[in-house]
Amino acid sequence: MLYAAYGANLLAAQMAARCPGATRAGALLLPGFRLAMNRFASAVPEASALLPVGLWRVTEEHLAALDLHEGPHAYERRAVPLPGGGEAWIYLEIRHRPPPPEAAYVVRCRTG
């Protein structure tokens, strides 16, 4: 299955620590979302927007690990359709945390 990352989980080292064995599966522009930088990166629904994401091939065990890191109180995992068919899991913020993000977090996002 696929996981669509758009924040610090684009960073290979972070994904290797959180989800050993997950592999990169490409990148694409995900329609219907835009990137917002609150305290952390957030995918915000917006019909006319495109969100750049990195795709990771993951297992159920990887998703369980991501659930611990991304939620359950801050982000919620949802399936989203991909352009050209199929779907991926993505985490959407459910608890807004005001900006600005920490400098180290921004560096991880940019590096990824």
N, C-alpha and C. Protein backbone atom coordinates (compact mmCIF):
# COMPACT_ATOMS: atom_id res chain seq x y z
N MET A 1 0.84 -1.17 0.00
CA MET A 1 0.00 0.00 0.00
C MET A 1 0.89 1.24 0.00
N LEU A 2 0.29 2.39 -0.30
CA LEU A 2 1.06 3.63 -0.44
C LEU A 2 0.72 4.63 0.66
N TYR A 3 1.72 5.39 1.06
CA TYR A 3 1.58 6.48 2.02
C TYR A 3 2.07 7.74 1.32
N ALA A 4 1.27 8.81 1.36
CA ALA A 4 1.62 10.08 0.75
C ALA A 4 2.16 11.02 1.83
N ALA A 5 3.46 11.29 1.77
CA ALA A 5 4.12 12.16 2.75
C ALA A 5 4.29 13.55 2.16
N TYR A 6 4.11 14.57 3.00
CA TYR A 6 4.26 15.95 2.53
C TYR A 6 5.05 16.82 3.49
N GLY A 7 5.45 16.32 4.62
CA GLY A 7 6.19 17.10 5.61
C GLY A 7 7.54 16.45 5.88
N ALA A 8 7.88 16.35 7.15
CA ALA A 8 9.18 15.81 7.54
C ALA A 8 9.32 14.33 7.17
N ASN A 9 8.22 13.62 6.93
CA ASN A 9 8.33 12.21 6.52
C ASN A 9 8.79 12.06 5.07
N LEU A 10 9.07 13.17 4.40
CA LEU A 10 9.75 13.09 3.11
C LEU A 10 11.22 12.73 3.31
N LEU A 11 11.72 13.00 4.49
CA LEU A 11 13.13 12.77 4.80
C LEU A 11 13.38 11.26 4.97
N ALA A 12 14.25 10.72 4.13
CA ALA A 12 14.51 9.28 4.15
C ALA A 12 14.98 8.78 5.51
N ALA A 13 15.83 9.54 6.18
CA ALA A 13 16.33 9.11 7.49
C ALA A 13 15.21 9.02 8.52
N GLN A 14 14.28 9.94 8.47
CA GLN A 14 13.17 9.91 9.42
C GLN A 14 12.27 8.71 9.15
N MET A 15 11.97 8.45 7.86
CA MET A 15 11.15 7.29 7.54
C MET A 15 11.85 5.99 7.87
N ALA A 16 13.17 5.94 7.70
CA ALA A 16 13.91 4.72 8.04
C ALA A 16 13.82 4.43 9.53
N ALA A 17 13.82 5.48 10.35
CA ALA A 17 13.72 5.31 11.80
C ALA A 17 12.31 4.91 12.21
N ARG A 18 11.32 5.52 11.59
CA ARG A 18 9.92 5.26 11.96
C ARG A 18 9.37 3.99 11.32
N CYS A 19 9.78 3.73 10.09
CA CYS A 19 9.21 2.63 9.31
C CYS A 19 10.32 1.86 8.59
N PRO A 20 11.15 1.12 9.33
CA PRO A 20 12.23 0.38 8.68
C PRO A 20 11.68 -0.54 7.58
N GLY A 21 12.30 -0.45 6.42
CA GLY A 21 11.89 -1.28 5.29
C GLY A 21 10.93 -0.60 4.34
N ALA A 22 10.38 0.55 4.71
CA ALA A 22 9.52 1.29 3.77
C ALA A 22 10.40 1.76 2.61
N THR A 23 9.86 1.74 1.42
CA THR A 23 10.64 2.14 0.24
C THR A 23 9.95 3.27 -0.50
N ARG A 24 10.78 4.11 -1.11
CA ARG A 24 10.24 5.20 -1.92
C ARG A 24 9.53 4.62 -3.13
N ALA A 25 8.38 5.24 -3.45
CA ALA A 25 7.60 4.74 -4.58
C ALA A 25 7.31 5.85 -5.59
N GLY A 26 7.96 7.00 -5.46
CA GLY A 26 7.77 8.07 -6.42
C GLY A 26 7.26 9.34 -5.77
N ALA A 27 6.80 10.24 -6.60
CA ALA A 27 6.28 11.53 -6.15
C ALA A 27 5.21 11.98 -7.14
N LEU A 28 4.31 12.82 -6.68
CA LEU A 28 3.28 13.36 -7.56
C LEU A 28 2.65 14.60 -6.94
N LEU A 29 1.83 15.25 -7.74
CA LEU A 29 1.04 16.38 -7.26
C LEU A 29 -0.36 15.86 -6.95
N LEU A 30 -0.74 15.91 -5.68
CA LEU A 30 -2.02 15.39 -5.24
C LEU A 30 -3.07 16.49 -5.33
N PRO A 31 -4.07 16.31 -6.19
CA PRO A 31 -5.09 17.35 -6.34
C PRO A 31 -6.02 17.41 -5.13
N GLY A 32 -6.51 18.63 -4.88
CA GLY A 32 -7.50 18.82 -3.83
C GLY A 32 -6.94 19.22 -2.48
N PHE A 33 -5.62 19.43 -2.41
CA PHE A 33 -4.99 19.84 -1.15
C PHE A 33 -3.91 20.87 -1.43
N ARG A 34 -3.63 21.71 -0.42
CA ARG A 34 -2.50 22.63 -0.47
C ARG A 34 -1.69 22.45 0.82
N LEU A 35 -0.45 22.87 0.78
CA LEU A 35 0.42 22.78 1.94
C LEU A 35 0.28 24.03 2.79
N ALA A 36 0.14 23.84 4.09
CA ALA A 36 0.15 24.94 5.05
C ALA A 36 1.21 24.61 6.10
N MET A 37 1.97 25.60 6.49
CA MET A 37 2.96 25.41 7.56
C MET A 37 2.42 26.06 8.82
N ASN A 38 1.81 25.26 9.66
CA ASN A 38 1.37 25.71 10.97
C ASN A 38 2.53 25.41 11.92
N ARG A 39 2.28 24.81 13.05
CA ARG A 39 3.37 24.36 13.91
C ARG A 39 4.15 23.25 13.20
N PHE A 40 3.41 22.43 12.45
CA PHE A 40 3.97 21.40 11.59
C PHE A 40 3.30 21.51 10.24
N ALA A 41 3.77 20.76 9.25
CA ALA A 41 3.15 20.78 7.93
C ALA A 41 1.74 20.22 8.01
N SER A 42 0.87 20.77 7.19
CA SER A 42 -0.51 20.33 7.18
C SER A 42 -1.03 20.34 5.74
N ALA A 43 -1.76 19.29 5.37
CA ALA A 43 -2.43 19.23 4.07
C ALA A 43 -3.84 19.77 4.27
N VAL A 44 -4.12 20.88 3.61
CA VAL A 44 -5.41 21.56 3.79
C VAL A 44 -6.25 21.32 2.53
N PRO A 45 -7.47 20.79 2.70
CA PRO A 45 -8.33 20.60 1.53
C PRO A 45 -8.60 21.93 0.81
N GLU A 46 -8.39 21.91 -0.49
CA GLU A 46 -8.68 23.07 -1.35
C GLU A 46 -8.85 22.53 -2.76
N ALA A 47 -10.06 22.66 -3.28
CA ALA A 47 -10.43 22.00 -4.54
C ALA A 47 -9.48 22.29 -5.70
N SER A 48 -9.01 23.51 -5.84
CA SER A 48 -8.20 23.87 -7.02
C SER A 48 -6.69 23.74 -6.79
N ALA A 49 -6.28 23.23 -5.65
CA ALA A 49 -4.86 23.19 -5.32
C ALA A 49 -4.22 21.84 -5.67
N LEU A 50 -2.89 21.85 -5.67
CA LEU A 50 -2.09 20.64 -5.87
C LEU A 50 -1.06 20.58 -4.75
N LEU A 51 -0.95 19.43 -4.10
CA LEU A 51 0.00 19.24 -3.01
C LEU A 51 1.11 18.31 -3.46
N PRO A 52 2.37 18.78 -3.47
CA PRO A 52 3.47 17.86 -3.81
C PRO A 52 3.66 16.85 -2.67
N VAL A 53 3.66 15.57 -3.03
CA VAL A 53 3.85 14.51 -2.03
C VAL A 53 4.90 13.52 -2.53
N GLY A 54 5.55 12.90 -1.58
CA GLY A 54 6.41 11.77 -1.85
C GLY A 54 5.65 10.52 -1.48
N LEU A 55 5.72 9.50 -2.30
CA LEU A 55 5.02 8.25 -2.03
C LEU A 55 5.98 7.22 -1.46
N TRP A 56 5.52 6.56 -0.41
CA TRP A 56 6.26 5.47 0.22
C TRP A 56 5.43 4.21 0.14
N ARG A 57 6.08 3.09 -0.16
CA ARG A 57 5.42 1.79 -0.11
C ARG A 57 5.57 1.29 1.33
N VAL A 58 4.42 1.06 1.99
CA VAL A 58 4.41 0.73 3.41
C VAL A 58 3.55 -0.51 3.67
N THR A 59 3.70 -1.04 4.88
CA THR A 59 2.91 -2.18 5.34
C THR A 59 1.95 -1.71 6.43
N GLU A 60 1.09 -2.60 6.88
CA GLU A 60 0.20 -2.29 8.01
C GLU A 60 1.01 -1.93 9.26
N GLU A 61 2.14 -2.61 9.46
CA GLU A 61 2.99 -2.33 10.61
C GLU A 61 3.56 -0.91 10.53
N HIS A 62 3.93 -0.50 9.33
CA HIS A 62 4.43 0.86 9.14
C HIS A 62 3.35 1.88 9.47
N LEU A 63 2.13 1.62 9.00
CA LEU A 63 1.04 2.55 9.28
C LEU A 63 0.74 2.62 10.77
N ALA A 64 0.85 1.50 11.46
CA ALA A 64 0.63 1.52 12.91
C ALA A 64 1.69 2.38 13.60
N ALA A 65 2.93 2.30 13.13
CA ALA A 65 4.00 3.13 13.68
C ALA A 65 3.75 4.60 13.37
N LEU A 66 3.33 4.89 12.15
CA LEU A 66 3.03 6.28 11.78
C LEU A 66 1.84 6.81 12.59
N ASP A 67 0.85 5.96 12.84
CA ASP A 67 -0.29 6.39 13.65
C ASP A 67 0.17 6.88 15.02
N LEU A 68 1.17 6.22 15.58
CA LEU A 68 1.69 6.64 16.89
C LEU A 68 2.39 7.98 16.82
N HIS A 69 3.12 8.23 15.73
CA HIS A 69 3.87 9.47 15.58
C HIS A 69 2.99 10.63 15.13
N GLU A 70 2.01 10.36 14.30
CA GLU A 70 1.21 11.43 13.70
C GLU A 70 -0.08 11.70 14.46
N GLY A 71 -0.49 10.85 15.29
CA GLY A 71 -1.76 11.01 15.99
C GLY A 71 -1.66 10.40 17.37
N PRO A 72 -2.74 10.12 17.95
CA PRO A 72 -4.08 10.20 17.40
C PRO A 72 -4.76 11.56 17.62
N HIS A 73 -4.13 12.44 18.35
CA HIS A 73 -4.79 13.70 18.70
C HIS A 73 -4.47 14.85 17.76
N ALA A 74 -3.46 14.69 16.92
CA ALA A 74 -3.05 15.79 16.04
C ALA A 74 -3.42 15.54 14.58
N TYR A 75 -3.23 14.32 14.11
CA TYR A 75 -3.49 13.99 12.71
C TYR A 75 -4.38 12.75 12.64
N GLU A 76 -5.13 12.67 11.57
CA GLU A 76 -5.99 11.52 11.31
C GLU A 76 -5.60 10.93 9.96
N ARG A 77 -5.48 9.61 9.91
CA ARG A 77 -5.13 8.94 8.65
C ARG A 77 -6.38 8.73 7.81
N ARG A 78 -6.27 9.10 6.53
CA ARG A 78 -7.38 8.92 5.59
C ARG A 78 -6.84 8.42 4.25
N ALA A 79 -7.68 7.69 3.54
CA ALA A 79 -7.34 7.26 2.18
C ALA A 79 -7.75 8.36 1.21
N VAL A 80 -6.87 8.64 0.25
CA VAL A 80 -7.18 9.63 -0.79
C VAL A 80 -6.92 9.00 -2.16
N PRO A 81 -7.76 9.37 -3.13
CA PRO A 81 -7.53 8.84 -4.49
C PRO A 81 -6.31 9.52 -5.12
N LEU A 82 -5.58 8.73 -5.90
CA LEU A 82 -4.41 9.24 -6.61
C LEU A 82 -4.76 9.51 -8.07
N PRO A 83 -4.11 10.52 -8.67
CA PRO A 83 -4.32 10.76 -10.10
C PRO A 83 -3.92 9.51 -10.87
N GLY A 84 -4.72 9.11 -11.81
CA GLY A 84 -4.40 7.93 -12.60
C GLY A 84 -4.89 6.63 -11.99
N GLY A 85 -5.48 6.69 -10.80
CA GLY A 85 -6.03 5.49 -10.16
C GLY A 85 -5.27 5.08 -8.92
N GLY A 86 -5.91 4.28 -8.15
CA GLY A 86 -5.34 3.82 -6.89
C GLY A 86 -5.57 4.84 -5.79
N GLU A 87 -5.04 4.51 -4.62
CA GLU A 87 -5.17 5.41 -3.49
C GLU A 87 -3.95 5.31 -2.59
N ALA A 88 -3.83 6.29 -1.71
CA ALA A 88 -2.74 6.32 -0.74
C ALA A 88 -3.30 6.81 0.59
N TRP A 89 -2.60 6.46 1.65
CA TRP A 89 -2.94 6.98 2.96
C TRP A 89 -2.25 8.33 3.14
N ILE A 90 -2.93 9.24 3.79
CA ILE A 90 -2.36 10.55 4.10
C ILE A 90 -2.83 10.93 5.49
N TYR A 91 -2.06 11.77 6.17
CA TYR A 91 -2.44 12.25 7.49
C TYR A 91 -2.89 13.69 7.38
N LEU A 92 -4.12 13.95 7.88
CA LEU A 92 -4.68 15.29 7.86
C LEU A 92 -4.80 15.81 9.28
N GLU A 93 -4.40 17.05 9.47
CA GLU A 93 -4.40 17.65 10.80
C GLU A 93 -5.83 17.80 11.32
N ILE A 94 -6.05 17.36 12.55
CA ILE A 94 -7.36 17.50 13.16
C ILE A 94 -7.33 18.48 14.33
N ARG A 95 -6.13 18.81 14.78
CA ARG A 95 -5.99 19.79 15.86
C ARG A 95 -5.02 20.85 15.38
N HIS A 96 -5.52 22.05 15.16
CA HIS A 96 -4.70 23.14 14.64
C HIS A 96 -3.72 23.62 15.70
N ARG A 97 -2.47 23.69 15.33
CA ARG A 97 -1.44 24.26 16.20
C ARG A 97 -0.86 25.47 15.49
N PRO A 98 -0.97 26.64 16.08
CA PRO A 98 -0.56 27.87 15.38
C PRO A 98 0.92 27.90 15.04
N PRO A 99 1.25 28.66 13.98
CA PRO A 99 2.64 28.81 13.58
C PRO A 99 3.39 29.65 14.61
N PRO A 100 4.66 29.79 14.49
CA PRO A 100 5.50 29.28 13.41
C PRO A 100 6.05 27.90 13.74
N PRO A 101 6.47 27.17 12.71
CA PRO A 101 7.13 25.89 12.95
C PRO A 101 8.54 26.12 13.51
N GLU A 102 9.05 25.13 14.20
CA GLU A 102 10.43 25.21 14.70
C GLU A 102 11.39 25.15 13.52
N ALA A 103 12.50 25.86 13.62
CA ALA A 103 13.48 25.93 12.54
C ALA A 103 13.99 24.54 12.15
N ALA A 104 14.25 23.68 13.13
CA ALA A 104 14.77 22.34 12.84
C ALA A 104 13.75 21.53 12.04
N TYR A 105 12.47 21.72 12.33
CA TYR A 105 11.42 21.01 11.59
C TYR A 105 11.39 21.46 10.13
N VAL A 106 11.51 22.75 9.90
CA VAL A 106 11.51 23.29 8.53
C VAL A 106 12.70 22.73 7.75
N VAL A 107 13.86 22.63 8.40
CA VAL A 107 15.05 22.07 7.74
C VAL A 107 14.78 20.62 7.33
N ARG A 108 14.15 19.82 8.21
CA ARG A 108 13.84 18.42 7.88
C ARG A 108 12.91 18.36 6.67
N CYS A 109 11.90 19.23 6.64
CA CYS A 109 10.95 19.24 5.51
C CYS A 109 11.67 19.60 4.22
N ARG A 110 12.50 20.64 4.26
CA ARG A 110 13.21 21.07 3.05
C ARG A 110 14.21 20.02 2.57
N THR A 111 14.89 19.37 3.51
CA THR A 111 15.87 18.35 3.16
C THR A 111 15.17 17.17 2.50
N GLY A 112 14.02 16.78 3.02
CA GLY A 112 13.26 15.67 2.45
C GLY A 112 12.79 15.97 1.06
